Amino acid sequence: MRQALRQQIEQANDLVVVAEADALDQVVELAQITAAEVVIVDVELVIDSGIEVCQPLLTVSPQTKLVFLSTADRDVDLVCAWTAGGGDGAPGSAKCHLN
């Protein structure tokens, strides 16, 4: 999924992939270094849960928008992302939205 998404992003004239990460600490560190405007997070990161990235990432990079993706068809992923601050109206969700 990652390679296909990267190819689609690279074909767009106004988007650039600036980094890739497999774990929560990498996502947070790279967001700080790159000042990414948007971070696309797989709910099932290779090492950690992508849902856990929301609050730590927004703490160090509050301007960053998050997009959660998942190949799984599980409502529990949506509920967990929402609870972590990934939806309008959830605590701490001012800059973290599920679409």
N, C-alpha and C. Protein backbone atom coordinates (compact mmCIF):
# COMPACT_ATOMS: atom_id res chain seq x y z
N MET A 1 0.82 -1.19 0.00
CA MET A 1 0.00 0.00 0.00
C MET A 1 0.87 1.26 0.00
N ARG A 2 1.94 1.24 0.77
CA ARG A 2 2.80 2.42 0.89
C ARG A 2 3.40 2.81 -0.45
N GLN A 3 3.89 1.84 -1.21
CA GLN A 3 4.51 2.14 -2.50
C GLN A 3 3.49 2.71 -3.48
N ALA A 4 2.30 2.14 -3.51
CA ALA A 4 1.26 2.62 -4.42
C ALA A 4 0.86 4.05 -4.07
N LEU A 5 0.71 4.32 -2.79
CA LEU A 5 0.35 5.67 -2.35
C LEU A 5 1.46 6.66 -2.68
N ARG A 6 2.69 6.26 -2.45
CA ARG A 6 3.84 7.13 -2.77
C ARG A 6 3.85 7.47 -4.26
N GLN A 7 3.62 6.48 -5.11
CA GLN A 7 3.60 6.72 -6.55
C GLN A 7 2.51 7.72 -6.92
N GLN A 8 1.34 7.58 -6.33
CA GLN A 8 0.25 8.50 -6.62
C GLN A 8 0.59 9.92 -6.17
N ILE A 9 1.18 10.04 -5.01
CA ILE A 9 1.55 11.36 -4.49
C ILE A 9 2.62 11.99 -5.36
N GLU A 10 3.61 11.21 -5.77
CA GLU A 10 4.70 11.74 -6.58
C GLU A 10 4.23 12.18 -7.97
N GLN A 11 3.11 11.63 -8.45
CA GLN A 11 2.57 12.03 -9.74
C GLN A 11 1.83 13.37 -9.67
N ALA A 12 1.46 13.78 -8.48
CA ALA A 12 0.79 15.07 -8.31
C ALA A 12 1.82 16.19 -8.39
N ASN A 13 1.45 17.28 -9.02
CA ASN A 13 2.38 18.39 -9.21
C ASN A 13 2.63 19.20 -7.94
N ASP A 14 1.70 19.17 -7.01
CA ASP A 14 1.82 20.03 -5.84
C ASP A 14 2.04 19.27 -4.53
N LEU A 15 2.39 17.98 -4.61
CA LEU A 15 2.64 17.18 -3.42
C LEU A 15 4.02 16.55 -3.47
N VAL A 16 4.65 16.43 -2.31
CA VAL A 16 5.98 15.82 -2.22
C VAL A 16 6.02 14.91 -1.00
N VAL A 17 6.53 13.70 -1.17
CA VAL A 17 6.78 12.82 -0.04
C VAL A 17 8.12 13.23 0.55
N VAL A 18 8.12 13.64 1.82
CA VAL A 18 9.37 14.10 2.44
C VAL A 18 9.99 13.07 3.37
N ALA A 19 9.23 12.05 3.78
CA ALA A 19 9.78 11.04 4.68
C ALA A 19 8.81 9.87 4.78
N GLU A 20 9.34 8.74 5.26
CA GLU A 20 8.54 7.56 5.57
C GLU A 20 9.04 7.00 6.89
N ALA A 21 8.12 6.42 7.66
CA ALA A 21 8.48 5.88 8.97
C ALA A 21 7.70 4.60 9.24
N ASP A 22 8.29 3.75 10.09
CA ASP A 22 7.66 2.48 10.47
C ASP A 22 7.20 2.46 11.92
N ALA A 23 7.59 3.45 12.70
CA ALA A 23 7.30 3.44 14.14
C ALA A 23 6.94 4.84 14.62
N LEU A 24 6.21 4.89 15.73
CA LEU A 24 5.74 6.13 16.31
C LEU A 24 6.86 7.14 16.54
N ASP A 25 7.95 6.74 17.14
CA ASP A 25 9.02 7.68 17.43
C ASP A 25 9.62 8.26 16.15
N GLN A 26 9.67 7.46 15.09
CA GLN A 26 10.17 7.95 13.81
C GLN A 26 9.22 8.99 13.23
N VAL A 27 7.92 8.74 13.32
CA VAL A 27 6.93 9.68 12.79
C VAL A 27 7.07 11.03 13.48
N VAL A 28 7.14 11.02 14.80
CA VAL A 28 7.23 12.25 15.57
C VAL A 28 8.52 12.99 15.23
N GLU A 29 9.63 12.29 15.21
CA GLU A 29 10.92 12.92 14.90
C GLU A 29 10.94 13.51 13.49
N LEU A 30 10.45 12.75 12.52
CA LEU A 30 10.45 13.23 11.14
C LEU A 30 9.50 14.40 10.93
N ALA A 31 8.40 14.41 11.65
CA ALA A 31 7.47 15.54 11.54
C ALA A 31 8.13 16.82 12.02
N GLN A 32 8.92 16.73 13.08
CA GLN A 32 9.64 17.89 13.59
C GLN A 32 10.69 18.35 12.57
N ILE A 33 11.45 17.43 12.03
CA ILE A 33 12.54 17.76 11.11
C ILE A 33 12.01 18.34 9.81
N THR A 34 10.95 17.75 9.27
CA THR A 34 10.45 18.13 7.95
C THR A 34 9.41 19.24 7.98
N ALA A 35 8.83 19.51 9.13
CA ALA A 35 7.72 20.46 9.25
C ALA A 35 6.61 20.09 8.27
N ALA A 36 6.27 18.81 8.23
CA ALA A 36 5.27 18.30 7.30
C ALA A 36 3.92 18.98 7.52
N GLU A 37 3.25 19.32 6.42
CA GLU A 37 1.92 19.90 6.51
C GLU A 37 0.88 18.82 6.74
N VAL A 38 1.09 17.65 6.12
CA VAL A 38 0.16 16.53 6.23
C VAL A 38 0.96 15.26 6.49
N VAL A 39 0.48 14.45 7.41
CA VAL A 39 1.08 13.14 7.67
C VAL A 39 0.00 12.09 7.42
N ILE A 40 0.31 11.17 6.53
CA ILE A 40 -0.60 10.06 6.25
C ILE A 40 -0.14 8.89 7.11
N VAL A 41 -1.01 8.42 7.98
CA VAL A 41 -0.64 7.40 8.96
C VAL A 41 -1.42 6.12 8.70
N ASP A 42 -0.71 5.03 8.51
CA ASP A 42 -1.35 3.72 8.44
C ASP A 42 -1.74 3.34 9.87
N VAL A 43 -2.97 2.97 10.07
CA VAL A 43 -3.44 2.59 11.40
C VAL A 43 -2.57 1.48 11.96
N GLU A 44 -2.08 0.61 11.08
CA GLU A 44 -1.24 -0.51 11.51
C GLU A 44 0.20 -0.29 11.05
N LEU A 45 0.94 0.57 11.78
CA LEU A 45 2.35 0.77 11.48
C LEU A 45 3.08 -0.56 11.65
N VAL A 46 4.25 -0.68 11.05
CA VAL A 46 5.02 -1.92 11.13
C VAL A 46 5.33 -2.27 12.58
N ILE A 47 5.70 -1.28 13.38
CA ILE A 47 6.14 -1.54 14.75
C ILE A 47 5.08 -1.15 15.79
N ASP A 48 4.44 0.00 15.62
CA ASP A 48 3.48 0.52 16.60
C ASP A 48 2.09 0.64 15.98
N SER A 49 1.15 1.07 16.80
CA SER A 49 -0.18 1.40 16.31
C SER A 49 -0.16 2.82 15.77
N GLY A 50 -0.62 3.01 14.56
CA GLY A 50 -0.66 4.34 13.98
C GLY A 50 -1.57 5.29 14.74
N ILE A 51 -2.56 4.74 15.41
CA ILE A 51 -3.48 5.56 16.18
C ILE A 51 -2.76 6.29 17.31
N GLU A 52 -1.74 5.66 17.86
CA GLU A 52 -1.00 6.25 18.98
C GLU A 52 -0.18 7.47 18.56
N VAL A 53 -0.07 7.74 17.28
CA VAL A 53 0.77 8.85 16.81
C VAL A 53 0.09 10.20 16.94
N CYS A 54 -1.21 10.23 17.02
CA CYS A 54 -1.96 11.49 16.97
C CYS A 54 -1.51 12.51 18.02
N GLN A 55 -1.63 12.19 19.28
CA GLN A 55 -1.32 13.17 20.32
C GLN A 55 0.17 13.54 20.39
N PRO A 56 1.11 12.57 20.37
CA PRO A 56 2.52 12.97 20.41
C PRO A 56 2.92 13.82 19.21
N LEU A 57 2.40 13.50 18.03
CA LEU A 57 2.77 14.26 16.85
C LEU A 57 2.22 15.68 16.93
N LEU A 58 0.98 15.82 17.34
CA LEU A 58 0.40 17.15 17.42
C LEU A 58 0.99 17.98 18.55
N THR A 59 1.57 17.34 19.53
CA THR A 59 2.26 18.07 20.60
C THR A 59 3.50 18.76 20.07
N VAL A 60 4.26 18.06 19.23
CA VAL A 60 5.51 18.63 18.70
C VAL A 60 5.31 19.38 17.39
N SER A 61 4.21 19.10 16.70
CA SER A 61 3.97 19.71 15.39
C SER A 61 2.48 20.02 15.24
N PRO A 62 1.98 21.02 16.00
CA PRO A 62 0.54 21.27 16.04
C PRO A 62 -0.07 21.72 14.71
N GLN A 63 0.72 22.20 13.79
CA GLN A 63 0.20 22.64 12.49
C GLN A 63 -0.05 21.47 11.54
N THR A 64 0.47 20.30 11.86
CA THR A 64 0.37 19.14 10.98
C THR A 64 -1.04 18.57 10.98
N LYS A 65 -1.53 18.26 9.80
CA LYS A 65 -2.83 17.58 9.65
C LYS A 65 -2.56 16.09 9.51
N LEU A 66 -3.41 15.27 10.09
CA LEU A 66 -3.26 13.81 10.03
C LEU A 66 -4.36 13.19 9.21
N VAL A 67 -3.98 12.22 8.41
CA VAL A 67 -4.93 11.40 7.65
C VAL A 67 -4.64 9.96 8.02
N PHE A 68 -5.61 9.27 8.59
CA PHE A 68 -5.45 7.87 8.96
C PHE A 68 -5.95 6.98 7.82
N LEU A 69 -5.15 6.00 7.46
CA LEU A 69 -5.53 5.02 6.45
C LEU A 69 -5.46 3.62 7.05
N SER A 70 -6.30 2.74 6.53
CA SER A 70 -6.26 1.36 6.98
C SER A 70 -6.81 0.46 5.88
N THR A 71 -6.18 -0.67 5.70
CA THR A 71 -6.71 -1.66 4.76
C THR A 71 -7.67 -2.59 5.46
N ALA A 72 -7.70 -2.54 6.78
CA ALA A 72 -8.62 -3.37 7.56
C ALA A 72 -10.01 -2.76 7.56
N ASP A 73 -11.00 -3.59 7.64
CA ASP A 73 -12.38 -3.14 7.70
C ASP A 73 -12.89 -3.36 9.12
N ARG A 74 -12.35 -2.54 10.04
CA ARG A 74 -12.73 -2.70 11.45
C ARG A 74 -13.17 -1.37 12.02
N ASP A 75 -14.38 -1.31 12.50
CA ASP A 75 -14.89 -0.09 13.11
C ASP A 75 -14.09 0.29 14.35
N VAL A 76 -13.49 -0.69 15.00
CA VAL A 76 -12.73 -0.40 16.22
C VAL A 76 -11.56 0.54 15.91
N ASP A 77 -10.97 0.46 14.71
CA ASP A 77 -9.89 1.38 14.34
C ASP A 77 -10.39 2.82 14.30
N LEU A 78 -11.58 3.02 13.75
CA LEU A 78 -12.16 4.36 13.71
C LEU A 78 -12.43 4.89 15.10
N VAL A 79 -13.00 4.06 15.94
CA VAL A 79 -13.31 4.47 17.31
C VAL A 79 -12.03 4.81 18.06
N CYS A 80 -11.01 3.99 17.92
CA CYS A 80 -9.74 4.24 18.61
C CYS A 80 -9.09 5.53 18.11
N ALA A 81 -9.09 5.75 16.80
CA ALA A 81 -8.51 6.97 16.24
C ALA A 81 -9.28 8.19 16.73
N TRP A 82 -10.58 8.08 16.76
CA TRP A 82 -11.42 9.18 17.24
C TRP A 82 -11.11 9.49 18.70
N THR A 83 -11.04 8.47 19.52
CA THR A 83 -10.76 8.63 20.94
C THR A 83 -9.37 9.23 21.18
N ALA A 84 -8.42 8.89 20.31
CA ALA A 84 -7.05 9.40 20.45
C ALA A 84 -6.96 10.88 20.07
N GLY A 85 -8.04 11.44 19.57
CA GLY A 85 -8.02 12.85 19.18
C GLY A 85 -8.12 13.01 17.68
N GLY A 86 -8.63 12.01 17.01
CA GLY A 86 -8.66 12.05 15.56
C GLY A 86 -9.99 12.42 14.95
N GLY A 87 -10.83 13.16 15.64
CA GLY A 87 -12.11 13.52 15.04
C GLY A 87 -12.67 14.79 15.61
N ASP A 88 -13.49 15.48 14.86
CA ASP A 88 -14.12 16.71 15.33
C ASP A 88 -14.91 16.44 16.60
N GLY A 89 -14.70 17.28 17.59
CA GLY A 89 -15.45 17.16 18.82
C GLY A 89 -14.81 16.30 19.88
N ALA A 90 -13.81 15.49 19.51
CA ALA A 90 -13.14 14.66 20.50
C ALA A 90 -12.14 15.51 21.27
N PRO A 91 -11.85 15.17 22.49
CA PRO A 91 -10.88 15.95 23.28
C PRO A 91 -9.55 16.07 22.55
N GLY A 92 -9.05 17.28 22.46
CA GLY A 92 -7.75 17.52 21.85
C GLY A 92 -7.73 17.35 20.34
N SER A 93 -8.88 17.44 19.70
CA SER A 93 -8.94 17.12 18.27
C SER A 93 -8.94 18.33 17.36
N ALA A 94 -8.57 19.46 17.85
CA ALA A 94 -8.69 20.69 17.05
C ALA A 94 -7.97 20.59 15.71
N LYS A 95 -6.89 19.85 15.61
CA LYS A 95 -6.15 19.81 14.36
C LYS A 95 -5.99 18.41 13.83
N CYS A 96 -6.75 17.48 14.31
CA CYS A 96 -6.62 16.09 13.90
C CYS A 96 -7.98 15.58 13.46
N HIS A 97 -8.13 15.31 12.17
CA HIS A 97 -9.44 14.96 11.62
C HIS A 97 -9.40 13.65 10.88
N LEU A 98 -10.45 12.87 10.99
CA LEU A 98 -10.63 11.67 10.18
C LEU A 98 -11.49 12.03 9.00
N ASN A 99 -11.06 11.63 7.83
CA ASN A 99 -11.83 11.88 6.60
C ASN A 99 -12.05 10.60 5.86
